[in-house]
Amino acid sequence: MKDIVLPTAHAIKFLALLVLAMMMLVEAAINPAHAQSLESAGSADVLYCQKRKLGYWFYCSKPRPKDDEETESASNAPPPSAAERLGAVTRQLRELKARAILDPSEENVTAYIRFQREQLDRASLFSDVWQRAIWQQPDLDYTLQRPVSTLAKRQWQDSRNGARDNVMANLGKRYGLFYFFAQSCGACEVMSPIVKSVSKRWKLTVRAISTDGGPSRHFPKYTVETGQRAKMGLEPKITPVLVLWDALKNRPIPIGYGILSADELQDRIFLLTSKEAGHDF
């Protein structure tokens, strides 16, 4: 009986390749077009996705087509609002500025200057239209309430001073002044004659109170403080201080701290006693 010769590993591998090749030939014979497309697709995938690694620019897997609903929703998306558009302009301006500062090449600096100039032109146009609108809409013109030109401002100031003087002339019937001073206070030496002059002109009663017990040559009939500032809610260590006292409502009205001119002192009294907040500013 002859010995049986077993096939070697190389022979087995050869036989497997031969069988595979025969199957591919049969498939090609049955559907040549399909075989050609498989061969072409396989070679393209290997070339682009494996050998050259161009997956970022070529689809290694076929993308899913967008649904009709997704396409329709994208086309019907609302346009950006004005605030969003302005925010985009601001972000772009900041980005161009940062780029020009961090990398000051001629290209970056020029791009920033051009974009900034566009926004300056836009701001100038806005300012021009703003001014024209104010000229044609008197209810928008604040200068009719508080003039800025020399001639109109002088007329407005004269009229306001007349109204202030009328209020001050009758002020002594209801109000008096508390004047807190200190002998060691240099600012009080400046403020004391101003307080005395205004009170004398408008016949206001002044009660001078010494916070350190020292005298005042302008107010010889002073009294020493015994906690009046704390009761009025005033700052404890600041002099001079002026407080208007409302005898009708029995309440203090702080006027101010430090040195005030006579005109400013009268203006503050006028505003605090006859004008509501927001009606004269």
C-alpha atoms as a PDB file:
ATOM      1  CA  MET A   1       0.000   0.000   0.000  1.00  0.00           C
ATOM      2  CA  LYS A   2       1.475   3.272  -1.068  1.00  0.00           C
ATOM      3  CA  ASP A   3       2.014   6.104   1.458  1.00  0.00           C
ATOM      4  CA  ILE A   4      -0.540   8.956   1.375  1.00  0.00           C
ATOM      5  CA  VAL A   5       1.125  12.329   0.665  1.00  0.00           C
ATOM      6  CA  LEU A   6      -0.556  15.161   2.598  1.00  0.00           C
ATOM      7  CA  PRO A   7      -0.639  18.628   0.992  1.00  0.00           C
ATOM      8  CA  THR A   8       1.743  21.166   2.521  1.00  0.00           C
ATOM      9  CA  ALA A   9       0.672  24.544   3.981  1.00  0.00           C
ATOM     10  CA  HIS A  10       1.792  26.337   0.836  1.00  0.00           C
ATOM     11  CA  ALA A  11      -0.281  23.994  -1.248  1.00  0.00           C
ATOM     12  CA  ILE A  12      -3.364  24.593   0.923  1.00  0.00           C
ATOM     13  CA  LYS A  13      -2.929  28.392   0.639  1.00  0.00           C
ATOM     14  CA  PHE A  14      -2.569  28.116  -3.104  1.00  0.00           C
ATOM     15  CA  LEU A  15      -5.724  26.045  -3.374  1.00  0.00           C
ATOM     16  CA  ALA A  16      -7.699  28.609  -1.280  1.00  0.00           C
ATOM     17  CA  LEU A  17      -6.586  31.478  -3.503  1.00  0.00           C
ATOM     18  CA  LEU A  18      -7.484  29.454  -6.561  1.00  0.00           C
ATOM     19  CA  VAL A  19     -10.997  28.806  -5.257  1.00  0.00           C
ATOM     20  CA  LEU A  20     -11.457  32.527  -4.418  1.00  0.00           C
ATOM     21  CA  ALA A  21     -10.356  33.565  -7.868  1.00  0.00           C
ATOM     22  CA  MET A  22     -12.774  31.122  -9.466  1.00  0.00           C
ATOM     23  CA  MET A  23     -15.653  32.551  -7.371  1.00  0.00           C
ATOM     24  CA  MET A  24     -14.809  36.108  -8.455  1.00  0.00           C
ATOM     25  CA  LEU A  25     -14.724  34.981 -12.092  1.00  0.00           C
ATOM     26  CA  VAL A  26     -18.094  33.379 -11.728  1.00  0.00           C
ATOM     27  CA  GLU A  27     -19.518  36.556 -10.109  1.00  0.00           C
ATOM     28  CA  ALA A  28     -18.061  38.683 -12.890  1.00  0.00           C
ATOM     29  CA  ALA A  29     -19.540  36.387 -15.486  1.00  0.00           C
ATOM     30  CA  ILE A  30     -22.955  36.658 -13.852  1.00  0.00           C
ATOM     31  CA  ASN A  31     -22.915  40.484 -13.253  1.00  0.00           C
ATOM     32  CA  PRO A  32     -19.917  42.204 -14.877  1.00  0.00           C
ATOM     33  CA  ALA A  33     -21.101  45.729 -14.070  1.00  0.00           C
ATOM     34  CA  HIS A  34     -21.477  44.978 -10.366  1.00  0.00           C
ATOM     35  CA  ALA A  35     -18.023  43.449 -10.219  1.00  0.00           C
ATOM     36  CA  GLN A  36     -16.490  46.473 -11.900  1.00  0.00           C
ATOM     37  CA  SER A  37     -18.193  48.897  -9.496  1.00  0.00           C
ATOM     38  CA  LEU A  38     -17.003  46.917  -6.473  1.00  0.00           C
ATOM     39  CA  GLU A  39     -13.481  46.900  -7.771  1.00  0.00           C
ATOM     40  CA  SER A  40     -13.543  50.657  -8.463  1.00  0.00           C
ATOM     41  CA  ALA A  41     -15.124  51.535  -5.108  1.00  0.00           C
ATOM     42  CA  GLY A  42     -12.744  49.328  -3.204  1.00  0.00           C
ATOM     43  CA  SER A  43      -9.686  50.811  -4.847  1.00  0.00           C
ATOM     44  CA  ALA A  44     -10.965  54.369  -4.231  1.00  0.00           C
ATOM     45  CA  ASP A  45     -11.601  53.682  -0.556  1.00  0.00           C
ATOM     46  CA  VAL A  46      -8.143  52.225  -0.118  1.00  0.00           C
ATOM     47  CA  LEU A  47      -6.496  55.094  -1.988  1.00  0.00           C
ATOM     48  CA  TYR A  48      -8.315  58.017  -0.369  1.00  0.00           C
ATOM     49  CA  CYS A  49      -9.197  56.755   3.096  1.00  0.00           C
ATOM     50  CA  GLN A  50      -6.228  54.505   3.927  1.00  0.00           C
ATOM     51  CA  LYS A  51      -3.173  55.274   1.828  1.00  0.00           C
ATOM     52  CA  ARG A  52      -3.556  59.069   1.473  1.00  0.00           C
ATOM     53  CA  LYS A  53      -5.751  59.565   4.567  1.00  0.00           C
ATOM     54  CA  LEU A  54      -7.906  62.175   2.839  1.00  0.00           C
ATOM     55  CA  GLY A  55     -11.004  61.482   4.851  1.00  0.00           C
ATOM     56  CA  TYR A  56     -11.397  65.173   5.749  1.00  0.00           C
ATOM     57  CA  TRP A  57     -11.893  66.093   2.096  1.00  0.00           C
ATOM     58  CA  PHE A  58     -13.402  62.883   0.673  1.00  0.00           C
ATOM     59  CA  TYR A  59     -16.322  60.901   2.028  1.00  0.00           C
ATOM     60  CA  CYS A  60     -15.141  57.482   3.161  1.00  0.00           C
ATOM     61  CA  SER A  61     -18.766  56.697   3.915  1.00  0.00           C
ATOM     62  CA  LYS A  62     -21.655  58.067   1.931  1.00  0.00           C
ATOM     63  CA  PRO A  63     -23.342  60.917   3.865  1.00  0.00           C
ATOM     64  CA  ARG A  64     -26.992  60.591   4.723  1.00  0.00           C
ATOM     65  CA  PRO A  65     -29.066  62.893   2.526  1.00  0.00           C
ATOM     66  CA  LYS A  66     -30.988  65.592   4.361  1.00  0.00           C
ATOM     67  CA  ASP A  67     -34.651  65.062   4.894  1.00  0.00           C
ATOM     68  CA  ASP A  68     -37.124  67.344   3.181  1.00  0.00           C
ATOM     69  CA  GLU A  69     -38.189  68.661   6.596  1.00  0.00           C
ATOM     70  CA  GLU A  70     -34.621  69.620   7.522  1.00  0.00           C
ATOM     71  CA  THR A  71     -34.111  71.405   4.208  1.00  0.00           C
ATOM     72  CA  GLU A  72     -37.397  73.269   4.549  1.00  0.00           C
ATOM     73  CA  SER A  73     -36.694  74.337   8.155  1.00  0.00           C
ATOM     74  CA  ALA A  74     -33.258  75.631   7.182  1.00  0.00           C
ATOM     75  CA  SER A  75     -34.708  77.696   4.342  1.00  0.00           C
ATOM     76  CA  ASN A  76     -37.485  79.065   6.567  1.00  0.00           C
ATOM     77  CA  ALA A  77     -35.145  80.072   9.432  1.00  0.00           C
ATOM     78  CA  PRO A  78     -35.812  83.685  10.548  1.00  0.00           C
ATOM     79  CA  PRO A  79     -33.161  86.241   9.578  1.00  0.00           C
ATOM     80  CA  PRO A  80     -30.880  87.494  12.387  1.00  0.00           C
ATOM     81  CA  SER A  81     -32.240  90.364  14.453  1.00  0.00           C
ATOM     82  CA  ALA A  82     -30.719  93.840  14.430  1.00  0.00           C
ATOM     83  CA  ALA A  83     -29.196  93.220  17.859  1.00  0.00           C
ATOM     84  CA  GLU A  84     -27.578  90.012  16.596  1.00  0.00           C
ATOM     85  CA  ARG A  85     -26.211  91.770  13.526  1.00  0.00           C
ATOM     86  CA  LEU A  86     -24.798  94.585  15.658  1.00  0.00           C
ATOM     87  CA  GLY A  87     -23.274  92.031  18.019  1.00  0.00           C
ATOM     88  CA  ALA A  88     -21.627  90.309  15.052  1.00  0.00           C
ATOM     89  CA  VAL A  89     -20.137  93.634  13.922  1.00  0.00           C
ATOM     90  CA  THR A  90     -18.783  94.277  17.423  1.00  0.00           C
ATOM     91  CA  ARG A  91     -17.269  90.798  17.642  1.00  0.00           C
ATOM     92  CA  GLN A  92     -15.647  91.140  14.232  1.00  0.00           C
ATOM     93  CA  LEU A  93     -14.210  94.549  15.127  1.00  0.00           C
ATOM     94  CA  ARG A  94     -12.729  93.155  18.347  1.00  0.00           C
ATOM     95  CA  GLU A  95     -11.319  90.149  16.512  1.00  0.00           C
ATOM     96  CA  LEU A  96      -9.678  92.286  13.814  1.00  0.00           C
ATOM     97  CA  LYS A  97      -8.259  94.617  16.471  1.00  0.00           C
ATOM     98  CA  ALA A  98      -6.841  91.727  18.511  1.00  0.00           C
ATOM     99  CA  ARG A  99      -5.366  90.172  15.388  1.00  0.00           C
ATOM    100  CA  ALA A 100      -3.745  93.465  14.373  1.00  0.00           C
ATOM    101  CA  ILE A 101      -2.241  93.960  17.849  1.00  0.00           C
ATOM    102  CA  LEU A 102      -0.977  90.404  18.322  1.00  0.00           C
ATOM    103  CA  ASP A 103       0.239  90.023  14.728  1.00  0.00           C
ATOM    104  CA  PRO A 104       0.764  93.568  13.400  1.00  0.00           C
ATOM    105  CA  SER A 105       1.355  92.655   9.782  1.00  0.00           C
ATOM    106  CA  GLU A 106       0.427  95.178   7.122  1.00  0.00           C
ATOM    107  CA  GLU A 107      -2.440  92.958   6.022  1.00  0.00           C
ATOM    108  CA  ASN A 108      -3.918  92.629   9.533  1.00  0.00           C
ATOM    109  CA  VAL A 109      -3.561  96.302  10.415  1.00  0.00           C
ATOM    110  CA  THR A 110      -5.056  97.381   7.075  1.00  0.00           C
ATOM    111  CA  ALA A 111      -8.024  95.034   7.533  1.00  0.00           C
ATOM    112  CA  TYR A 112      -8.709  96.461  10.986  1.00  0.00           C
ATOM    113  CA  ILE A 113      -8.429 100.083   9.802  1.00  0.00           C
ATOM    114  CA  ARG A 114     -10.775  99.475   6.873  1.00  0.00           C
ATOM    115  CA  PHE A 115     -13.400  97.773   9.010  1.00  0.00           C
ATOM    116  CA  GLN A 116     -13.122 100.411  11.737  1.00  0.00           C
ATOM    117  CA  ARG A 117     -13.536 103.159   9.145  1.00  0.00           C
ATOM    118  CA  GLU A 118     -16.727 101.498   7.896  1.00  0.00           C
ATOM    119  CA  GLN A 119     -18.150 101.557  11.415  1.00  0.00           C
ATOM    120  CA  LEU A 120     -17.098 105.200  11.941  1.00  0.00           C
ATOM    121  CA  ASP A 121     -18.927 106.149   8.751  1.00  0.00           C
ATOM    122  CA  ARG A 122     -21.977 104.252   9.976  1.00  0.00           C
ATOM    123  CA  ALA A 123     -21.808 106.048  13.346  1.00  0.00           C
ATOM    124  CA  SER A 124     -21.475 109.435  11.609  1.00  0.00           C
ATOM    125  CA  LEU A 125     -24.561 108.700   9.534  1.00  0.00           C
ATOM    126  CA  PHE A 126     -26.482 107.717  12.672  1.00  0.00           C
ATOM    127  CA  SER A 127     -25.407 110.938  14.412  1.00  0.00           C
ATOM    128  CA  ASP A 128     -26.460 113.049  11.435  1.00  0.00           C
ATOM    129  CA  VAL A 129     -29.909 111.437  11.243  1.00  0.00           C
ATOM    130  CA  TRP A 130     -30.252 111.771  15.032  1.00  0.00           C
ATOM    131  CA  GLN A 131     -29.577 115.528  14.849  1.00  0.00           C
ATOM    132  CA  ARG A 132     -32.014 116.019  11.965  1.00  0.00           C
ATOM    133  CA  ALA A 133     -34.737 114.142  13.861  1.00  0.00           C
ATOM    134  CA  ILE A 134     -34.263 116.369  16.922  1.00  0.00           C
ATOM    135  CA  TRP A 135     -34.450 119.514  14.821  1.00  0.00           C
ATOM    136  CA  GLN A 136     -37.777 118.438  13.368  1.00  0.00           C
ATOM    137  CA  GLN A 137     -39.303 116.934  16.533  1.00  0.00           C
ATOM    138  CA  PRO A 138     -39.365 119.578  19.308  1.00  0.00           C
ATOM    139  CA  ASP A 139     -40.512 117.067  21.927  1.00  0.00           C
ATOM    140  CA  LEU A 140     -37.173 115.265  21.475  1.00  0.00           C
ATOM    141  CA  ASP A 141     -35.031 118.410  21.797  1.00  0.00           C
ATOM    142  CA  TYR A 142     -33.699 118.592  25.360  1.00  0.00           C
ATOM    143  CA  THR A 143     -32.040 121.956  24.701  1.00  0.00           C
ATOM    144  CA  LEU A 144     -35.497 123.546  24.718  1.00  0.00           C
ATOM    145  CA  GLN A 145     -35.667 122.633  28.416  1.00  0.00           C
ATOM    146  CA  ARG A 146     -32.012 123.319  29.234  1.00  0.00           C
ATOM    147  CA  PRO A 147     -30.435 125.557  26.554  1.00  0.00           C
ATOM    148  CA  VAL A 148     -26.763 125.217  25.678  1.00  0.00           C
ATOM    149  CA  SER A 149     -26.199 128.250  23.439  1.00  0.00           C
ATOM    150  CA  THR A 150     -24.914 131.387  25.164  1.00  0.00           C
ATOM    151  CA  LEU A 151     -27.895 133.629  24.372  1.00  0.00           C
ATOM    152  CA  ALA A 152     -30.599 131.058  25.154  1.00  0.00           C
ATOM    153  CA  LYS A 153     -28.799 129.883  28.277  1.00  0.00           C
ATOM    154  CA  ARG A 154     -28.588 133.435  29.621  1.00  0.00           C
ATOM    155  CA  GLN A 155     -32.321 133.935  29.107  1.00  0.00           C
ATOM    156  CA  TRP A 156     -33.113 130.579  30.742  1.00  0.00           C
ATOM    157  CA  GLN A 157     -30.853 131.356  33.707  1.00  0.00           C
ATOM    158  CA  ASP A 158     -32.448 134.773  34.233  1.00  0.00           C
ATOM    159  CA  SER A 159     -35.910 133.221  34.219  1.00  0.00           C
ATOM    160  CA  ARG A 160     -34.857 130.502  36.624  1.00  0.00           C
ATOM    161  CA  ASN A 161     -33.212 132.986  38.993  1.00  0.00           C
ATOM    162  CA  GLY A 162     -36.447 134.972  39.075  1.00  0.00           C
ATOM    163  CA  ALA A 163     -38.413 131.868  40.070  1.00  0.00           C
ATOM    164  CA  ARG A 164     -35.791 131.019  42.677  1.00  0.00           C
ATOM    165  CA  ASP A 165     -35.894 134.492  44.199  1.00  0.00           C
ATOM    166  CA  ASN A 166     -39.674 134.301  44.523  1.00  0.00           C
ATOM    167  CA  VAL A 167     -39.369 131.032  46.459  1.00  0.00           C
ATOM    168  CA  MET A 168     -36.539 132.308  48.650  1.00  0.00           C
ATOM    169  CA  ALA A 169     -38.462 135.482  49.547  1.00  0.00           C
ATOM    170  CA  ASN A 170     -41.156 133.431  51.318  1.00  0.00           C
ATOM    171  CA  LEU A 171     -38.931 130.676  52.646  1.00  0.00           C
ATOM    172  CA  GLY A 172     -38.473 132.094  56.165  1.00  0.00           C
ATOM    173  CA  LYS A 173     -42.154 131.567  56.995  1.00  0.00           C
ATOM    174  CA  ARG A 174     -41.704 127.790  57.006  1.00  0.00           C
ATOM    175  CA  TYR A 175     -37.993 126.930  57.040  1.00  0.00           C
ATOM    176  CA  GLY A 176     -34.907 127.659  59.140  1.00  0.00           C
ATOM    177  CA  LEU A 177     -31.244 126.659  58.910  1.00  0.00           C
ATOM    178  CA  PHE A 178     -29.045 124.495  61.126  1.00  0.00           C
ATOM    179  CA  TYR A 179     -25.379 125.309  60.604  1.00  0.00           C
ATOM    180  CA  PHE A 180     -22.848 122.892  62.111  1.00  0.00           C
ATOM    181  CA  PHE A 181     -19.323 124.281  62.363  1.00  0.00           C
ATOM    182  CA  ALA A 182     -16.109 123.816  64.330  1.00  0.00           C
ATOM    183  CA  GLN A 183     -13.623 126.376  65.581  1.00  0.00           C
ATOM    184  CA  SER A 184     -10.746 124.242  64.282  1.00  0.00           C
ATOM    185  CA  CYS A 185     -12.331 123.882  60.813  1.00  0.00           C
ATOM    186  CA  GLY A 186     -10.656 126.006  58.123  1.00  0.00           C
ATOM    187  CA  ALA A 187     -13.491 125.437  55.654  1.00  0.00           C
ATOM    188  CA  CYS A 188     -15.931 126.783  58.244  1.00  0.00           C
ATOM    189  CA  GLU A 189     -14.115 130.123  58.224  1.00  0.00           C
ATOM    190  CA  VAL A 190     -14.905 130.350  54.515  1.00  0.00           C
ATOM    191  CA  MET A 191     -18.459 129.030  54.758  1.00  0.00           C
ATOM    192  CA  SER A 192     -19.659 130.995  57.794  1.00  0.00           C
ATOM    193  CA  PRO A 193     -19.838 134.449  56.124  1.00  0.00           C
ATOM    194  CA  ILE A 194     -21.617 132.915  53.103  1.00  0.00           C
ATOM    195  CA  VAL A 195     -24.280 131.357  55.341  1.00  0.00           C
ATOM    196  CA  LYS A 196     -24.688 134.612  57.228  1.00  0.00           C
ATOM    197  CA  SER A 197     -25.034 136.636  53.979  1.00  0.00           C
ATOM    198  CA  VAL A 198     -27.684 134.329  52.437  1.00  0.00           C
ATOM    199  CA  SER A 199     -29.678 134.076  55.675  1.00  0.00           C
ATOM    200  CA  LYS A 200     -29.641 137.848  56.111  1.00  0.00           C
ATOM    201  CA  ARG A 201     -30.771 138.481  52.519  1.00  0.00           C
ATOM    202  CA  TRP A 202     -33.742 136.129  52.740  1.00  0.00           C
ATOM    203  CA  LYS A 203     -34.491 136.603  56.458  1.00  0.00           C
ATOM    204  CA  LEU A 204     -33.806 132.988  57.371  1.00  0.00           C
ATOM    205  CA  THR A 205     -33.285 132.067  61.016  1.00  0.00           C
ATOM    206  CA  VAL A 206     -29.935 130.315  61.520  1.00  0.00           C
ATOM    207  CA  ARG A 207     -29.115 128.131  64.490  1.00  0.00           C
ATOM    208  CA  ALA A 208     -25.321 127.780  64.589  1.00  0.00           C
ATOM    209  CA  ILE A 209     -24.038 124.692  66.452  1.00  0.00           C
ATOM    210  CA  SER A 210     -20.405 124.235  67.418  1.00  0.00           C
ATOM    211  CA  THR A 211     -19.304 120.622  67.104  1.00  0.00           C
ATOM    212  CA  ASP A 212     -16.091 121.111  69.120  1.00  0.00           C
ATOM    213  CA  GLY A 213     -17.370 123.709  71.602  1.00  0.00           C
ATOM    214  CA  GLY A 214     -15.336 126.560  70.079  1.00  0.00           C
ATOM    215  CA  PRO A 215     -16.842 129.957  69.190  1.00  0.00           C
ATOM    216  CA  SER A 216     -17.565 131.544  65.809  1.00  0.00           C
ATOM    217  CA  ARG A 217     -16.967 135.222  65.180  1.00  0.00           C
ATOM    218  CA  HIS A 218     -19.738 135.226  62.563  1.00  0.00           C
ATOM    219  CA  PHE A 219     -22.297 133.561  64.832  1.00  0.00           C
ATOM    220  CA  PRO A 220     -21.614 134.700  68.387  1.00  0.00           C
ATOM    221  CA  LYS A 221     -24.930 133.271  69.602  1.00  0.00           C
ATOM    222  CA  TYR A 222     -23.969 129.669  68.881  1.00  0.00           C
ATOM    223  CA  THR A 223     -24.792 126.567  70.930  1.00  0.00           C
ATOM    224  CA  VAL A 224     -22.690 123.482  71.589  1.00  0.00           C
ATOM    225  CA  GLU A 225     -23.740 120.252  69.935  1.00  0.00           C
ATOM    226  CA  THR A 226     -25.554 117.733  72.115  1.00  0.00           C
ATOM    227  CA  GLY A 227     -26.250 114.965  69.604  1.00  0.00           C
ATOM    228  CA  GLN A 228     -28.259 116.916  67.043  1.00  0.00           C
ATOM    229  CA  ARG A 229     -26.299 115.553  64.066  1.00  0.00           C
ATOM    230  CA  ALA A 230     -26.969 111.942  65.051  1.00  0.00           C
ATOM    231  CA  LYS A 231     -30.678 112.648  65.443  1.00  0.00           C
ATOM    232  CA  MET A 232     -30.766 114.140  61.934  1.00  0.00           C
ATOM    233  CA  GLY A 233     -28.868 111.197  60.427  1.00  0.00           C
ATOM    234  CA  LEU A 234     -25.850 113.273  59.401  1.00  0.00           C
ATOM    235  CA  GLU A 235     -22.228 112.220  59.026  1.00  0.00           C
ATOM    236  CA  PRO A 236     -20.690 112.625  62.495  1.00  0.00           C
ATOM    237  CA  LYS A 237     -17.221 114.035  61.728  1.00  0.00           C
ATOM    238  CA  ILE A 238     -17.680 116.353  58.736  1.00  0.00           C
ATOM    239  CA  THR A 239     -17.945 120.135  58.998  1.00  0.00           C
ATOM    240  CA  PRO A 240     -19.334 122.472  57.866  1.00  0.00           C
ATOM    241  CA  VAL A 241     -22.823 121.034  57.390  1.00  0.00           C
ATOM    242  CA  LEU A 242     -26.018 122.842  56.413  1.00  0.00           C
ATOM    243  CA  VAL A 243     -29.479 121.470  57.151  1.00  0.00           C
ATOM    244  CA  LEU A 244     -32.793 123.054  56.228  1.00  0.00           C
ATOM    245  CA  TRP A 245     -35.466 122.518  58.884  1.00  0.00           C
ATOM    246  CA  ASP A 246     -39.071 122.170  57.735  1.00  0.00           C
ATOM    247  CA  ALA A 247     -41.157 123.536  60.643  1.00  0.00           C
ATOM    248  CA  LEU A 248     -44.427 122.485  59.012  1.00  0.00           C
ATOM    249  CA  LYS A 249     -43.491 118.811  58.736  1.00  0.00           C
ATOM    250  CA  ASN A 250     -40.970 118.903  61.576  1.00  0.00           C
ATOM    251  CA  ARG A 251     -38.198 117.232  59.556  1.00  0.00           C
ATOM    252  CA  PRO A 252     -34.603 118.006  58.512  1.00  0.00           C
ATOM    253  CA  ILE A 253     -33.576 118.437  54.868  1.00  0.00           C
ATOM    254  CA  PRO A 254     -29.776 118.105  54.497  1.00  0.00           C
ATOM    255  CA  ILE A 255     -28.440 120.639  51.983  1.00  0.00           C
ATOM    256  CA  GLY A 256     -24.776 119.720  51.746  1.00  0.00           C
ATOM    257  CA  TYR A 257     -21.335 119.335  53.269  1.00  0.00           C
ATOM    258  CA  GLY A 258     -18.253 121.464  52.815  1.00  0.00           C
ATOM    259  CA  ILE A 259     -17.913 124.851  51.141  1.00  0.00           C
ATOM    260  CA  LEU A 260     -20.777 126.046  48.898  1.00  0.00           C
ATOM    261  CA  SER A 261     -20.988 129.319  47.028  1.00  0.00           C
ATOM    262  CA  ALA A 262     -23.920 131.613  47.792  1.00  0.00           C
ATOM    263  CA  ASP A 263     -25.453 130.916  44.384  1.00  0.00           C
ATOM    264  CA  GLU A 264     -25.117 127.145  44.799  1.00  0.00           C
ATOM    265  CA  LEU A 265     -26.527 127.304  48.315  1.00  0.00           C
ATOM    266  CA  GLN A 266     -29.588 129.187  47.096  1.00  0.00           C
ATOM    267  CA  ASP A 267     -30.035 126.805  44.141  1.00  0.00           C
ATOM    268  CA  ARG A 268     -30.022 123.781  46.422  1.00  0.00           C
ATOM    269  CA  ILE A 269     -32.556 125.328  48.780  1.00  0.00           C
ATOM    270  CA  PHE A 270     -34.743 126.254  45.809  1.00  0.00           C
ATOM    271  CA  LEU A 271     -34.646 122.732  44.331  1.00  0.00           C
ATOM    272  CA  LEU A 272     -35.152 120.907  47.627  1.00  0.00           C
ATOM    273  CA  THR A 273     -38.124 123.005  48.666  1.00  0.00           C
ATOM    274  CA  SER A 274     -40.002 123.653  45.401  1.00  0.00           C
ATOM    275  CA  LYS A 275     -39.011 121.098  42.734  1.00  0.00           C
ATOM    276  CA  GLU A 276     -39.741 117.395  42.552  1.00  0.00           C
ATOM    277  CA  ALA A 277     -36.956 115.070  41.466  1.00  0.00           C
ATOM    278  CA  GLY A 278     -36.712 114.875  37.681  1.00  0.00           C
ATOM    279  CA  HIS A 279     -38.346 118.242  36.978  1.00  0.00           C
ATOM    280  CA  ASP A 280     -35.186 120.347  36.985  1.00  0.00           C
ATOM    281  CA  PHE A 281     -31.962 118.698  35.850  1.00  0.00           C
END
